[in-house]
C-alpha cells in the first residue's frame, strides 16, 4: 500500500472511478450499520455502496 502522496493519488483515483460509475459529481452517501448495536450509524460517503451490503461471510 503506498503511503504519503502516493496514497492520496490512489484515493483520488478510486473516488474518480466511483463518481464515474454512479454518473455523479459526488461519492454517494449511505447510512452505516452497527451490527453489534443493531442500529443505523452516521450518514457518510461510502465508496463501495454499489458492491452490496458488507455483511460478514459465514
N, C-alpha and C. Protein backbone atom coordinates (compact mmCIF):
# COMPACT_ATOMS: atom_id res chain seq x y z
N UNK A 1 0.85 -1.17 0.00
CA UNK A 1 0.00 0.00 0.00
C UNK A 1 0.89 1.23 0.00
N UNK A 2 0.70 2.12 -0.96
CA UNK A 2 1.50 3.33 -0.99
C UNK A 2 1.16 4.25 0.18
N UNK A 3 2.13 5.03 0.62
CA UNK A 3 1.87 5.97 1.71
C UNK A 3 2.27 7.36 1.26
N UNK A 4 1.84 8.37 2.01
CA UNK A 4 2.18 9.74 1.67
C UNK A 4 1.41 10.21 0.45
N UNK A 5 2.12 10.90 -0.46
CA UNK A 5 1.48 11.43 -1.67
C UNK A 5 0.92 10.32 -2.54
N UNK A 6 1.58 9.16 -2.54
CA UNK A 6 1.09 8.03 -3.34
C UNK A 6 -0.27 7.58 -2.87
N UNK A 7 -0.48 7.54 -1.56
CA UNK A 7 -1.78 7.13 -1.03
C UNK A 7 -2.86 8.13 -1.42
N UNK A 8 -2.55 9.41 -1.37
CA UNK A 8 -3.50 10.44 -1.78
C UNK A 8 -3.91 10.29 -3.23
N UNK A 9 -2.94 9.98 -4.09
CA UNK A 9 -3.25 9.78 -5.51
C UNK A 9 -4.12 8.54 -5.72
N UNK A 10 -3.85 7.48 -4.98
CA UNK A 10 -4.66 6.26 -5.09
C UNK A 10 -6.10 6.53 -4.66
N UNK A 11 -6.27 7.21 -3.53
CA UNK A 11 -7.61 7.52 -3.04
C UNK A 11 -8.35 8.41 -4.04
N UNK A 12 -7.66 9.42 -4.59
CA UNK A 12 -8.28 10.31 -5.57
C UNK A 12 -8.72 9.53 -6.81
N UNK A 13 -7.91 8.57 -7.23
CA UNK A 13 -8.26 7.77 -8.40
C UNK A 13 -9.47 6.89 -8.12
N UNK A 14 -9.54 6.29 -6.94
CA UNK A 14 -10.70 5.48 -6.56
C UNK A 14 -11.95 6.34 -6.56
N UNK A 15 -11.86 7.54 -6.00
CA UNK A 15 -13.02 8.43 -5.95
C UNK A 15 -13.45 8.82 -7.36
N UNK A 16 -12.51 9.10 -8.26
CA UNK A 16 -12.87 9.42 -9.65
C UNK A 16 -13.62 8.26 -10.30
N UNK A 17 -13.15 7.03 -10.09
CA UNK A 17 -13.82 5.87 -10.67
C UNK A 17 -15.22 5.68 -10.10
N UNK A 18 -15.38 5.89 -8.80
CA UNK A 18 -16.70 5.74 -8.17
C UNK A 18 -17.66 6.79 -8.72
N UNK A 19 -17.20 8.04 -8.83
CA UNK A 19 -18.06 9.10 -9.39
C UNK A 19 -18.47 8.76 -10.81
N UNK A 20 -17.54 8.26 -11.61
CA UNK A 20 -17.86 7.89 -12.99
C UNK A 20 -18.84 6.73 -13.03
N UNK A 21 -18.67 5.75 -12.15
CA UNK A 21 -19.56 4.60 -12.10
C UNK A 21 -21.00 5.02 -11.81
N UNK A 22 -21.18 5.93 -10.83
CA UNK A 22 -22.52 6.38 -10.46
C UNK A 22 -23.00 7.53 -11.33
N UNK A 23 -22.15 8.09 -12.19
CA UNK A 23 -22.53 9.20 -13.04
C UNK A 23 -22.90 10.43 -12.24
N UNK A 24 -22.14 10.74 -11.22
CA UNK A 24 -22.44 11.86 -10.34
C UNK A 24 -21.17 12.64 -10.05
N UNK A 25 -21.34 13.82 -9.45
CA UNK A 25 -20.18 14.64 -9.09
C UNK A 25 -19.76 14.41 -7.65
N UNK A 26 -20.52 13.62 -6.91
CA UNK A 26 -20.20 13.33 -5.51
C UNK A 26 -20.19 11.83 -5.28
N UNK A 27 -19.43 11.40 -4.32
CA UNK A 27 -19.46 10.00 -3.91
C UNK A 27 -20.79 9.78 -3.20
N UNK A 28 -21.56 8.74 -3.58
CA UNK A 28 -22.86 8.51 -2.93
C UNK A 28 -22.71 8.28 -1.43
N UNK A 29 -23.73 8.68 -0.72
CA UNK A 29 -23.72 8.50 0.74
C UNK A 29 -24.53 7.28 1.12
N UNK A 30 -24.27 6.76 2.27
CA UNK A 30 -25.01 5.61 2.77
C UNK A 30 -24.97 5.64 4.28
N UNK A 31 -26.02 5.13 4.89
CA UNK A 31 -26.06 5.05 6.34
C UNK A 31 -25.27 3.83 6.78
N UNK A 32 -24.35 4.05 7.69
CA UNK A 32 -23.60 2.92 8.24
C UNK A 32 -24.51 2.06 9.10
N UNK A 33 -24.09 0.85 9.38
CA UNK A 33 -24.89 -0.06 10.20
C UNK A 33 -24.00 -0.66 11.26
N UNK A 34 -24.40 -0.49 12.51
CA UNK A 34 -23.66 -1.06 13.63
C UNK A 34 -24.29 -2.41 13.94
N UNK A 35 -23.64 -3.49 13.49
CA UNK A 35 -24.23 -4.82 13.67
C UNK A 35 -24.25 -5.24 15.13
N UNK A 36 -23.33 -4.70 15.92
CA UNK A 36 -23.32 -5.05 17.35
C UNK A 36 -24.50 -4.40 18.07
N UNK A 37 -24.76 -3.12 17.76
CA UNK A 37 -25.86 -2.38 18.40
C UNK A 37 -27.18 -2.54 17.66
N UNK A 38 -27.15 -3.10 16.44
CA UNK A 38 -28.34 -3.29 15.62
C UNK A 38 -29.07 -1.98 15.36
N UNK A 39 -28.31 -0.96 14.95
CA UNK A 39 -28.92 0.33 14.63
C UNK A 39 -28.10 1.03 13.56
N UNK A 40 -28.76 2.00 12.91
CA UNK A 40 -28.09 2.75 11.86
C UNK A 40 -27.01 3.64 12.45
N UNK A 41 -25.93 3.79 11.71
CA UNK A 41 -24.85 4.66 12.13
C UNK A 41 -24.94 6.00 11.43
N UNK A 42 -23.89 6.79 11.44
CA UNK A 42 -23.92 8.11 10.82
C UNK A 42 -23.99 8.04 9.29
N UNK A 43 -24.57 9.06 8.68
CA UNK A 43 -24.67 9.19 7.23
C UNK A 43 -23.30 9.65 6.72
N UNK A 44 -22.69 8.89 5.82
CA UNK A 44 -21.34 9.22 5.37
C UNK A 44 -21.11 8.71 3.96
N UNK A 45 -20.13 9.28 3.24
CA UNK A 45 -19.79 8.74 1.91
C UNK A 45 -19.33 7.29 2.03
N UNK A 46 -19.73 6.48 1.10
CA UNK A 46 -19.39 5.06 1.13
C UNK A 46 -18.95 4.66 -0.27
N UNK A 47 -17.66 4.47 -0.46
CA UNK A 47 -17.12 4.23 -1.80
C UNK A 47 -17.62 2.95 -2.44
N UNK A 48 -17.91 1.95 -1.66
CA UNK A 48 -18.28 0.65 -2.24
C UNK A 48 -19.76 0.35 -2.11
N UNK A 49 -20.60 1.38 -2.05
CA UNK A 49 -22.03 1.19 -1.84
C UNK A 49 -22.64 0.28 -2.90
N UNK A 50 -22.22 0.40 -4.14
CA UNK A 50 -22.79 -0.40 -5.21
C UNK A 50 -22.38 -1.86 -5.17
N UNK A 51 -21.41 -2.20 -4.36
CA UNK A 51 -20.93 -3.58 -4.29
C UNK A 51 -21.84 -4.47 -3.45
N UNK A 52 -22.76 -3.89 -2.72
CA UNK A 52 -23.65 -4.67 -1.88
C UNK A 52 -23.37 -4.45 -0.42
N UNK A 53 -24.16 -5.07 0.42
CA UNK A 53 -24.02 -4.90 1.86
C UNK A 53 -22.76 -5.60 2.35
N UNK A 54 -21.95 -4.91 3.14
CA UNK A 54 -20.70 -5.52 3.60
C UNK A 54 -20.88 -6.48 4.77
N UNK A 55 -21.82 -7.39 4.64
CA UNK A 55 -22.08 -8.35 5.71
C UNK A 55 -20.92 -9.32 5.86
N UNK A 56 -20.80 -9.88 7.02
CA UNK A 56 -19.78 -10.90 7.23
C UNK A 56 -20.14 -12.14 6.44
N UNK A 57 -19.13 -12.80 5.93
CA UNK A 57 -19.35 -14.04 5.19
C UNK A 57 -19.26 -15.19 6.18
N UNK A 58 -20.34 -15.96 6.25
CA UNK A 58 -20.37 -17.07 7.22
C UNK A 58 -19.88 -18.35 6.57
